[in-house]
PDB file of N, CA and C in Angstrom:
ATOM      1  N   MET A   1      22.164 -89.449-118.462  1.00  0.00           N
ATOM      2  CA  MET A   1      20.715 -89.548-118.392  1.00  0.00           C
ATOM      3  C   MET A   1      20.111 -89.537-119.782  1.00  0.00           C
ATOM      4  N   VAL A   2      20.545 -88.606-120.615  1.00  0.00           N
ATOM      5  CA  VAL A   2      19.973 -88.491-121.947  1.00  0.00           C
ATOM      6  C   VAL A   2      20.343 -89.701-122.798  1.00  0.00           C
ATOM      7  N   SER A   3      21.580 -90.172-122.690  1.00  0.00           N
ATOM      8  CA  SER A   3      21.992 -91.317-123.504  1.00  0.00           C
ATOM      9  C   SER A   3      21.233 -92.579-123.111  1.00  0.00           C
ATOM     10  N   SER A   4      20.914 -92.739-121.842  1.00  0.00           N
ATOM     11  CA  SER A   4      20.140 -93.912-121.442  1.00  0.00           C
ATOM     12  C   SER A   4      18.712 -93.828-121.969  1.00  0.00           C
ATOM     13  N   LEU A   5      18.129 -92.634-122.005  1.00  0.00           N
ATOM     14  CA  LEU A   5      16.784 -92.486-122.564  1.00  0.00           C
ATOM     15  C   LEU A   5      16.780 -92.762-124.064  1.00  0.00           C
ATOM     16  N   ILE A   6      17.809 -92.314-124.740  1.00  0.00           N
ATOM     17  CA  ILE A   6      17.904 -92.577-126.176  1.00  0.00           C
ATOM     18  C   ILE A   6      18.099 -94.070-126.424  1.00  0.00           C
ATOM     19  N   SER A   7      18.878 -94.714-125.572  1.00  0.00           N
ATOM     20  CA  SER A   7      19.080 -96.152-125.699  1.00  0.00           C
ATOM     21  C   SER A   7      17.771 -96.911-125.490  1.00  0.00           C
ATOM     22  N   VAL A   8      16.989 -96.500-124.511  1.00  0.00           N
ATOM     23  CA  VAL A   8      15.693 -97.140-124.266  1.00  0.00           C
ATOM     24  C   VAL A   8      14.752 -96.882-125.439  1.00  0.00           C
ATOM     25  N   GLU A   9      14.794 -95.669-125.974  1.00  0.00           N
ATOM     26  CA  GLU A   9      13.935 -95.337-127.109  1.00  0.00           C
ATOM     27  C   GLU A   9      14.299 -96.169-128.332  1.00  0.00           C
ATOM     28  N   ARG A  10      15.581 -96.461-128.485  1.00  0.00           N
ATOM     29  CA  ARG A  10      16.041 -97.236-129.636  1.00  0.00           C
ATOM     30  C   ARG A  10      15.726 -98.720-129.471  1.00  0.00           C
ATOM     31  N   SER A  11      15.913 -99.262-128.287  1.00  0.00           N
ATOM     32  CA  SER A  11      15.751-100.704-128.102  1.00  0.00           C
ATOM     33  C   SER A  11      14.397-101.087-127.501  1.00  0.00           C
ATOM     34  N   GLY A  12      13.611-100.140-127.061  1.00  0.00           N
ATOM     35  CA  GLY A  12      12.321-100.439-126.448  1.00  0.00           C
ATOM     36  C   GLY A  12      11.328-101.129-127.370  1.00  0.00           C
ATOM     37  N   PRO A  13      11.076-100.600-128.582  1.00  0.00           N
ATOM     38  CA  PRO A  13      10.097-101.251-129.459  1.00  0.00           C
ATOM     39  C   PRO A  13      10.488-102.665-129.865  1.00  0.00           C
ATOM     40  N   ILE A  14      11.770-102.904-130.071  1.00  0.00           N
ATOM     41  CA  ILE A  14      12.207-104.254-130.442  1.00  0.00           C
ATOM     42  C   ILE A  14      11.992-105.211-129.275  1.00  0.00           C
ATOM     43  N   THR A  15      12.251-104.747-128.065  1.00  0.00           N
ATOM     44  CA  THR A  15      12.048-105.588-126.882  1.00  0.00           C
ATOM     45  C   THR A  15      10.571-105.910-126.703  1.00  0.00           C
ATOM     46  N   LEU A  16       9.711-104.912-126.887  1.00  0.00           N
ATOM     47  CA  LEU A  16       8.274-105.159-126.775  1.00  0.00           C
ATOM     48  C   LEU A  16       7.783-106.108-127.865  1.00  0.00           C
ATOM     49  N   GLY A  17       8.317-105.975-129.072  1.00  0.00           N
ATOM     50  CA  GLY A  17       7.925-106.869-130.159  1.00  0.00           C
ATOM     51  C   GLY A  17       8.335-108.305-129.894  1.00  0.00           C
ATOM     52  N   ILE A  18       9.546-108.502-129.404  1.00  0.00           N
ATOM     53  CA  ILE A  18      10.013-109.855-129.106  1.00  0.00           C
ATOM     54  C   ILE A  18       9.189-110.472-127.985  1.00  0.00           C
ATOM     55  N   SER A  19       8.880-109.689-126.949  1.00  0.00           N
ATOM     56  CA  SER A  19       8.075-110.252-125.858  1.00  0.00           C
ATOM     57  C   SER A  19       6.646-110.538-126.301  1.00  0.00           C
ATOM     58  N   PHE A  20       6.083-109.706-127.212  1.00  0.00           N
ATOM     59  CA  PHE A  20       4.737-109.946-127.728  1.00  0.00           C
ATOM     60  C   PHE A  20       4.705-111.241-128.535  1.00  0.00           C
ATOM     61  N   ILE A  21       5.698-111.439-129.398  1.00  0.00           N
ATOM     62  CA  ILE A  21       5.741-112.651-130.214  1.00  0.00           C
ATOM     63  C   ILE A  21       5.987-113.883-129.345  1.00  0.00           C
ATOM     64  N   SER A  22       6.837-113.766-128.353  1.00  0.00           N
ATOM     65  CA  SER A  22       7.088-114.898-127.439  1.00  0.00           C
ATOM     66  C   SER A  22       5.829-115.247-126.658  1.00  0.00           C
ATOM     67  N   MET A  23       5.098-114.235-126.218  1.00  0.00           N
ATOM     68  CA  MET A  23       3.857-114.475-125.482  1.00  0.00           C
ATOM     69  C   MET A  23       2.833-115.186-126.366  1.00  0.00           C
ATOM     70  N   LEU A  24       2.702-114.751-127.637  1.00  0.00           N
ATOM     71  CA  LEU A  24       1.782-115.426-128.549  1.00  0.00           C
ATOM     72  C   LEU A  24       2.186-116.878-128.784  1.00  0.00           C
ATOM     73  N   PHE A  25       3.483-117.107-128.954  1.00  0.00           N
ATOM     74  CA  PHE A  25       3.973-118.457-129.203  1.00  0.00           C
ATOM     75  C   PHE A  25       3.685-119.380-128.030  1.00  0.00           C
ATOM     76  N   ILE A  26       3.979-118.929-126.831  1.00  0.00           N
ATOM     77  CA  ILE A  26       3.752-119.767-125.646  1.00  0.00           C
ATOM     78  C   ILE A  26       2.261-120.009-125.424  1.00  0.00           C
ATOM     79  N   GLN A  27       1.447-118.971-125.630  1.00  0.00           N
ATOM     80  CA  GLN A  27       0.001-119.133-125.454  1.00  0.00           C
ATOM     81  C   GLN A  27      -0.563-120.114-126.481  1.00  0.00           C
ATOM     82  N   ALA A  28      -0.101-120.040-127.717  1.00  0.00           N
ATOM     83  CA  ALA A  28      -0.567-120.979-128.746  1.00  0.00           C
ATOM     84  C   ALA A  28      -0.155-122.402-128.409  1.00  0.00           C
ATOM     85  N   MET A  29       1.087-122.568-127.948  1.00  0.00           N
ATOM     86  CA  MET A  29       1.543-123.906-127.573  1.00  0.00           C
ATOM     87  C   MET A  29       0.741-124.464-126.404  1.00  0.00           C
ATOM     88  N   LEU A  30       0.466-123.628-125.408  1.00  0.00           N
ATOM     89  CA  LEU A  30      -0.300-124.107-124.253  1.00  0.00           C
ATOM     90  C   LEU A  30      -1.729-124.469-124.636  1.00  0.00           C
ATOM     91  N   THR A  31      -2.328-123.678-125.517  1.00  0.00           N
ATOM     92  CA  THR A  31      -3.694-123.964-125.941  1.00  0.00           C
ATOM     93  C   THR A  31      -3.760-125.275-126.707  1.00  0.00           C
ATOM     94  N   VAL A  32      -2.841-125.484-127.634  1.00  0.00           N
ATOM     95  CA  VAL A  32      -2.823-126.727-128.404  1.00  0.00           C
ATOM     96  C   VAL A  32      -2.482-127.901-127.501  1.00  0.00           C
ATOM     97  N   ALA A  33      -1.528-127.723-126.610  1.00  0.00           N
ATOM     98  CA  ALA A  33      -1.116-128.814-125.734  1.00  0.00           C
ATOM     99  C   ALA A  33      -2.227-129.209-124.770  1.00  0.00           C
ATOM    100  N   SER A  34      -3.026-128.239-124.312  1.00  0.00           N
ATOM    101  CA  SER A  34      -4.098-128.590-123.379  1.00  0.00           C
ATOM    102  C   SER A  34      -5.200-129.386-124.070  1.00  0.00           C
ATOM    103  N   HIS A  35      -5.422-129.137-125.351  1.00  0.00           N
ATOM    104  CA  HIS A  35      -6.437-129.900-126.081  1.00  0.00           C
ATOM    105  C   HIS A  35      -5.945-131.287-126.468  1.00  0.00           C
ATOM    106  N   ARG A  36      -4.637-131.448-126.532  1.00  0.00           N
ATOM    107  CA  ARG A  36      -4.075-132.754-126.878  1.00  0.00           C
ATOM    108  C   ARG A  36      -3.523-133.472-125.648  1.00  0.00           C
ATOM    109  N   HIS A  37      -3.814-132.959-124.474  1.00  0.00           N
ATOM    110  CA  HIS A  37      -3.417-133.560-123.199  1.00  0.00           C
ATOM    111  C   HIS A  37      -1.909-133.798-123.118  1.00  0.00           C
ATOM    112  N   VAL A  38      -1.140-132.798-123.477  1.00  0.00           N
ATOM    113  CA  VAL A  38       0.312-132.901-123.433  1.00  0.00           C
ATOM    114  C   VAL A  38       0.867-132.146-122.230  1.00  0.00           C
ATOM    115  N   THR A  39       0.042-131.376-121.546  1.00  0.00           N
ATOM    116  CA  THR A  39       0.557-130.499-120.496  1.00  0.00           C
ATOM    117  C   THR A  39       1.039-131.253-119.268  1.00  0.00           C
ATOM    118  N   ALA A  40       0.728-132.506-119.155  1.00  0.00           N
ATOM    119  CA  ALA A  40       1.195-133.270-118.000  1.00  0.00           C
ATOM    120  C   ALA A  40       2.671-133.630-118.121  1.00  0.00           C
ATOM    121  N   SER A  41       3.196-133.627-119.327  1.00  0.00           N
ATOM    122  CA  SER A  41       4.599-134.001-119.513  1.00  0.00           C
ATOM    123  C   SER A  41       5.497-132.779-119.373  1.00  0.00           C
ATOM    124  N   SER A  42       6.783-133.019-119.353  1.00  0.00           N
ATOM    125  CA  SER A  42       7.740-131.920-119.213  1.00  0.00           C
ATOM    126  C   SER A  42       7.881-131.183-120.545  1.00  0.00           C
ATOM    127  N   PRO A  43       8.354-129.940-120.513  1.00  0.00           N
ATOM    128  CA  PRO A  43       8.510-129.183-121.756  1.00  0.00           C
ATOM    129  C   PRO A  43       9.492-129.823-122.742  1.00  0.00           C
ATOM    130  N   ALA A  44      10.408-130.630-122.250  1.00  0.00           N
ATOM    131  CA  ALA A  44      11.360-131.283-123.151  1.00  0.00           C
ATOM    132  C   ALA A  44      10.692-132.347-124.006  1.00  0.00           C
ATOM    133  N   GLU A  45       9.532-132.834-123.577  1.00  0.00           N
ATOM    134  CA  GLU A  45       8.847-133.904-124.302  1.00  0.00           C
ATOM    135  C   GLU A  45       7.698-133.392-125.171  1.00  0.00           C
ATOM    136  N   ILE A  46       7.630-132.085-125.402  1.00  0.00           N
ATOM    137  CA  ILE A  46       6.563-131.545-126.250  1.00  0.00           C
ATOM    138  C   ILE A  46       6.803-132.005-127.680  1.00  0.00           C
ATOM    139  N   ARG A  47       5.739-132.434-128.306  1.00  0.00           N
ATOM    140  CA  ARG A  47       5.856-132.986-129.654  1.00  0.00           C
ATOM    141  C   ARG A  47       6.024-131.876-130.689  1.00  0.00           C
ATOM    142  N   ILE A  48       6.526-132.270-131.842  1.00  0.00           N
ATOM    143  CA  ILE A  48       6.810-131.333-132.932  1.00  0.00           C
ATOM    144  C   ILE A  48       5.522-130.679-133.434  1.00  0.00           C
ATOM    145  N   ASP A  49       4.420-131.387-133.472  1.00  0.00           N
ATOM    146  CA  ASP A  49       3.199-130.787-134.008  1.00  0.00           C
ATOM    147  C   ASP A  49       2.693-129.648-133.117  1.00  0.00           C
ATOM    148  N   VAL A  50       2.946-129.727-131.825  1.00  0.00           N
ATOM    149  CA  VAL A  50       2.563-128.627-130.930  1.00  0.00           C
ATOM    150  C   VAL A  50       3.444-127.408-131.192  1.00  0.00           C
ATOM    151  N   LEU A  51       4.744-127.635-131.361  1.00  0.00           N
ATOM    152  CA  LEU A  51       5.652-126.535-131.676  1.00  0.00           C
ATOM    153  C   LEU A  51       5.304-125.909-133.028  1.00  0.00           C
ATOM    154  N   ALA A  52       5.013-126.750-134.020  1.00  0.00           N
ATOM    155  CA  ALA A  52       4.686-126.240-135.352  1.00  0.00           C
ATOM    156  C   ALA A  52       3.404-125.419-135.322  1.00  0.00           C
ATOM    157  N   THR A  53       2.428-125.852-134.546  1.00  0.00           N
ATOM    158  CA  THR A  53       1.180-125.092-134.438  1.00  0.00           C
ATOM    159  C   THR A  53       1.435-123.749-133.770  1.00  0.00           C
ATOM    160  N   GLY A  54       2.298-123.712-132.782  1.00  0.00           N
ATOM    161  CA  GLY A  54       2.657-122.447-132.141  1.00  0.00           C
ATOM    162  C   GLY A  54       3.311-121.491-133.116  1.00  0.00           C
ATOM    163  N   PHE A  55       4.240-122.006-133.921  1.00  0.00           N
ATOM    164  CA  PHE A  55       4.893-121.174-134.933  1.00  0.00           C
ATOM    165  C   PHE A  55       3.902-120.696-135.987  1.00  0.00           C
ATOM    166  N   ASP A  56       2.989-121.573-136.392  1.00  0.00           N
ATOM    167  CA  ASP A  56       1.988-121.187-137.391  1.00  0.00           C
ATOM    168  C   ASP A  56       1.093-120.066-136.875  1.00  0.00           C
ATOM    169  N   PHE A  57       0.664-120.179-135.635  1.00  0.00           N
ATOM    170  CA  PHE A  57      -0.204-119.152-135.063  1.00  0.00           C
ATOM    171  C   PHE A  57       0.512-117.807-134.982  1.00  0.00           C
ATOM    172  N   VAL A  58       1.762-117.833-134.559  1.00  0.00           N
ATOM    173  CA  VAL A  58       2.536-116.592-134.455  1.00  0.00           C
ATOM    174  C   VAL A  58       2.741-115.982-135.833  1.00  0.00           C
ATOM    175  N   PHE A  59       3.019-116.805-136.836  1.00  0.00           N
ATOM    176  CA  PHE A  59       3.212-116.285-138.191  1.00  0.00           C
ATOM    177  C   PHE A  59       1.949-115.605-138.701  1.00  0.00           C
ATOM    178  N   VAL A  60       0.802-116.231-138.504  1.00  0.00           N
ATOM    179  CA  VAL A  60      -0.464-115.642-138.968  1.00  0.00           C
ATOM    180  C   VAL A  60      -0.758-114.350-138.218  1.00  0.00           C
ATOM    181  N   ALA A  61      -0.527-114.324-136.919  1.00  0.00           N
ATOM    182  CA  ALA A  61      -0.800-113.115-136.130  1.00  0.00           C
ATOM    183  C   ALA A  61       0.122-111.968-136.548  1.00  0.00           C
ATOM    184  N   VAL A  62       1.403-112.242-136.734  1.00  0.00           N
ATOM    185  CA  VAL A  62       2.346-111.190-137.138  1.00  0.00           C
ATOM    186  C   VAL A  62       2.058-110.732-138.567  1.00  0.00           C
ATOM    187  N   PHE A  63       1.633-111.640-139.436  1.00  0.00           N
ATOM    188  CA  PHE A  63       1.263-111.272-140.789  1.00  0.00           C
ATOM    189  C   PHE A  63       0.054-110.331-140.781  1.00  0.00           C
ATOM    190  N   ALA A  64      -0.932-110.613-139.936  1.00  0.00           N
ATOM    191  CA  ALA A  64      -2.106-109.742-139.835  1.00  0.00           C
ATOM    192  C   ALA A  64      -1.726-108.361-139.302  1.00  0.00           C
ATOM    193  N   VAL A  65      -0.856-108.330-138.308  1.00  0.00           N
ATOM    194  CA  VAL A  65      -0.401-107.041-137.780  1.00  0.00           C
ATOM    195  C   VAL A  65       0.374-106.265-138.846  1.00  0.00           C
ATOM    196  N   SER A  66       1.197-106.965-139.625  1.00  0.00           N
ATOM    197  CA  SER A  66       1.960-106.305-140.692  1.00  0.00           C
ATOM    198  C   SER A  66       1.036-105.723-141.754  1.00  0.00           C
ATOM    199  N   LEU A  67       0.004-106.469-142.132  1.00  0.00           N
ATOM    200  CA  LEU A  67      -0.959-105.941-143.099  1.00  0.00           C
ATOM    201  C   LEU A  67      -1.676-104.710-142.560  1.00  0.00           C
ATOM    202  N   ALA A  68      -2.005-104.724-141.279  1.00  0.00           N
ATOM    203  CA  ALA A  68      -2.658-103.566-140.676  1.00  0.00           C
ATOM    204  C   ALA A  68      -1.732-102.353-140.675  1.00  0.00           C
ATOM    205  N   VAL A  69      -0.458-102.566-140.398  1.00  0.00           N
ATOM    206  CA  VAL A  69       0.507-101.458-140.400  1.00  0.00           C
ATOM    207  C   VAL A  69       0.665-100.883-141.810  1.00  0.00           C
ATOM    208  N   VAL A  70       0.745-101.754-142.809  1.00  0.00           N
ATOM    209  CA  VAL A  70       0.874-101.278-144.195  1.00  0.00           C
ATOM    210  C   VAL A  70      -0.376-100.520-144.619  1.00  0.00           C
ATOM    211  N   ALA A  71      -1.552-101.025-144.256  1.00  0.00           N
ATOM    212  CA  ALA A  71      -2.801-100.330-144.595  1.00  0.00           C
ATOM    213  C   ALA A  71      -2.860 -98.960-143.921  1.00  0.00           C
ATOM    214  N   LEU A  72      -2.461 -98.883-142.666  1.00  0.00           N
ATOM    215  CA  LEU A  72      -2.453 -97.586-141.979  1.00  0.00           C
ATOM    216  C   LEU A  72      -1.428 -96.637-142.577  1.00  0.00           C
ATOM    217  N   ALA A  73      -0.317 -97.164-143.052  1.00  0.00           N
ATOM    218  CA  ALA A  73       0.696 -96.317-143.686  1.00  0.00           C
ATOM    219  C   ALA A  73       0.159 -95.720-144.984  1.00  0.00           C
ATOM    220  N   PHE A  74      -0.581 -96.515-145.760  1.00  0.00           N
ATOM    221  CA  PHE A  74      -1.155 -95.989-146.992  1.00  0.00           C
ATOM    222  C   PHE A  74      -2.267 -94.980-146.711  1.00  0.00           C
ATOM    223  N   LEU A  75      -3.045 -95.227-145.675  1.00  0.00           N
ATOM    224  CA  LEU A  75      -4.150 -94.321-145.358  1.00  0.00           C
ATOM    225  C   LEU A  75      -3.679 -93.008-144.755  1.00  0.00           C
ATOM    226  N   SER A  76      -2.532 -92.997-144.131  1.00  0.00           N
ATOM    227  CA  SER A  76      -2.085 -91.794-143.428  1.00  0.00           C
ATOM    228  C   SER A  76      -1.028 -91.002-144.182  1.00  0.00           C
ATOM    229  N   ARG A  77      -0.797 -91.297-145.442  1.00  0.00           N
ATOM    230  CA  ARG A  77       0.215 -90.541-146.172  1.00  0.00           C
ATOM    231  C   ARG A  77      -0.269 -89.111-146.415  1.00  0.00           C
ATOM    232  N   ASP A  78       0.680 -88.202-146.462  1.00  0.00           N
ATOM    233  CA  ASP A  78       0.369 -86.781-146.592  1.00  0.00           C
ATOM    234  C   ASP A  78       0.354 -86.373-148.055  1.00  0.00           C
ATOM    235  N   GLU A  79      -0.519 -85.422-148.350  1.00  0.00           N
ATOM    236  CA  GLU A  79      -0.522 -84.837-149.679  1.00  0.00           C
ATOM    237  C   GLU A  79       0.479 -83.693-149.700  1.00  0.00           C
ATOM    238  N   VAL A  80       1.179 -83.551-150.808  1.00  0.00           N
ATOM    239  CA  VAL A  80       2.139 -82.465-150.955  1.00  0.00           C
ATOM    240  C   VAL A  80       1.489 -81.398-151.820  1.00  0.00           C
ATOM    241  N   HIS A  81       1.279 -80.226-151.236  1.00  0.00           N
ATOM    242  CA  HIS A  81       0.670 -79.121-151.964  1.00  0.00           C
ATOM    243  C   HIS A  81       1.739 -78.336-152.706  1.00  0.00           C
ATOM    244  N   ALA A  82       1.322 -77.614-153.754  1.00  0.00           N
ATOM    245  CA  ALA A  82       2.261 -76.877-154.597  1.00  0.00           C
ATOM    246  C   ALA A  82       3.006 -75.805-153.814  1.00  0.00           C
ATOM    247  N   GLU A  83       2.354 -75.197-152.831  1.00  0.00           N
ATOM    248  CA  GLU A  83       3.034 -74.133-152.079  1.00  0.00           C
ATOM    249  C   GLU A  83       4.105 -74.672-151.139  1.00  0.00           C
ATOM    250  N   ASN A  84       4.078 -75.974-150.884  1.00  0.00           N
ATOM    251  CA  ASN A  84       5.101 -76.572-150.025  1.00  0.00           C
ATOM    252  C   ASN A  84       6.316 -77.047-150.800  1.00  0.00           C
ATOM    253  N   LEU A  85       6.219 -77.050-152.105  1.00  0.00           N
ATOM    254  CA  LEU A  85       7.335 -77.480-152.939  1.00  0.00           C
ATOM    255  C   LEU A  85       8.267 -76.308-153.199  1.00  0.00           C
ATOM    256  N   GLY A  86       9.529 -76.621-153.447  1.00  0.00           N
ATOM    257  CA  GLY A  86      10.487 -75.579-153.807  1.00  0.00           C
ATOM    258  C   GLY A  86      10.291 -75.155-155.257  1.00  0.00           C
ATOM    259  N   GLU A  87      10.928 -74.071-155.678  1.00  0.00           N
ATOM    260  CA  GLU A  87      10.771 -73.559-157.038  1.00  0.00           C
ATOM    261  C   GLU A  87      11.284 -74.558-158.070  1.00  0.00           C
ATOM    262  N   GLU A  88      12.379 -75.244-157.773  1.00  0.00           N
ATOM    263  CA  GLU A  88      12.940 -76.203-158.722  1.00  0.00           C
ATOM    264  C   GLU A  88      11.985 -77.369-158.942  1.00  0.00           C
ATOM    265  N   THR A  89      11.331 -77.822-157.882  1.00  0.00           N
ATOM    266  CA  THR A  89      10.413 -78.937-157.998  1.00  0.00           C
ATOM    267  C   THR A  89       9.160 -78.534-158.768  1.00  0.00           C
ATOM    268  N   ILE A  90       8.691 -77.307-158.578  1.00  0.00           N
ATOM    269  CA  ILE A  90       7.504 -76.837-159.297  1.00  0.00           C
ATOM    270  C   ILE A  90       7.808 -76.767-160.791  1.00  0.00           C
ATOM    271  N   GLU A  91       8.964 -76.236-161.156  1.00  0.00           N
ATOM    272  CA  GLU A  91       9.328 -76.157-162.564  1.00  0.00           C
ATOM    273  C   GLU A  91       9.445 -77.538-163.178  1.00  0.00           C
ATOM    274  N   ALA A  92       9.990 -78.476-162.454  1.00  0.00           N
ATOM    275  CA  ALA A  92      10.128 -79.833-162.967  1.00  0.00           C
ATOM    276  C   ALA A  92       8.749 -80.473-163.125  1.00  0.00           C
ATOM    277  N   ALA A  93       7.825 -80.180-162.215  1.00  0.00           N
ATOM    278  CA  ALA A  93       6.478 -80.738-162.299  1.00  0.00           C
ATOM    279  C   ALA A  93       5.717 -80.137-163.476  1.00  0.00           C
ATOM    280  N   VAL A  94       5.921 -78.841-163.747  1.00  0.00           N
ATOM    281  CA  VAL A  94       5.234 -78.183-164.839  1.00  0.00           C
ATOM    282  C   VAL A  94       5.774 -78.684-166.177  1.00  0.00           C
ATOM    283  N   VAL A  95       7.099 -78.788-166.280  1.00  0.00           N
ATOM    284  CA  VAL A  95       7.726 -79.228-167.518  1.00  0.00           C
ATOM    285  C   VAL A  95       7.479 -80.726-167.747  1.00  0.00           C
ATOM    286  N   GLY A  96       7.327 -81.486-166.659  1.00  0.00           N
ATOM    287  CA  GLY A  96       7.091 -82.927-166.775  1.00  0.00           C
ATOM    288  C   GLY A  96       8.361 -83.733-166.749  1.00  0.00           C
ATOM    289  N   VAL A  97       9.421 -83.202-166.176  1.00  0.00           N
ATOM    290  CA  VAL A  97      10.692 -83.913-166.098  1.00  0.00           C
ATOM    291  C   VAL A  97      10.661 -84.905-164.979  1.00  0.00           C
TER     292      VAL A  97
END
């Protein structure tokens, strides 16, 4: 029981990320294809420009999410107070080593 929960905890975020990116890609392709009247044909006949637009949209969306994650990481960093440092670290900070 515990090993299966740990396995889900380890592989869950990657699975959600892959499904999120796949959903964005398919939605972008469908939106572009509907404006270019390509949806009547089979998926094997989708043109390269529709696929490229889907990839471009996913890249921009993932890039924006990555920037948001980096910004939140910088905003949420913890300050280290002197009383939380060990004696060796305090001496090194005072001496400037």
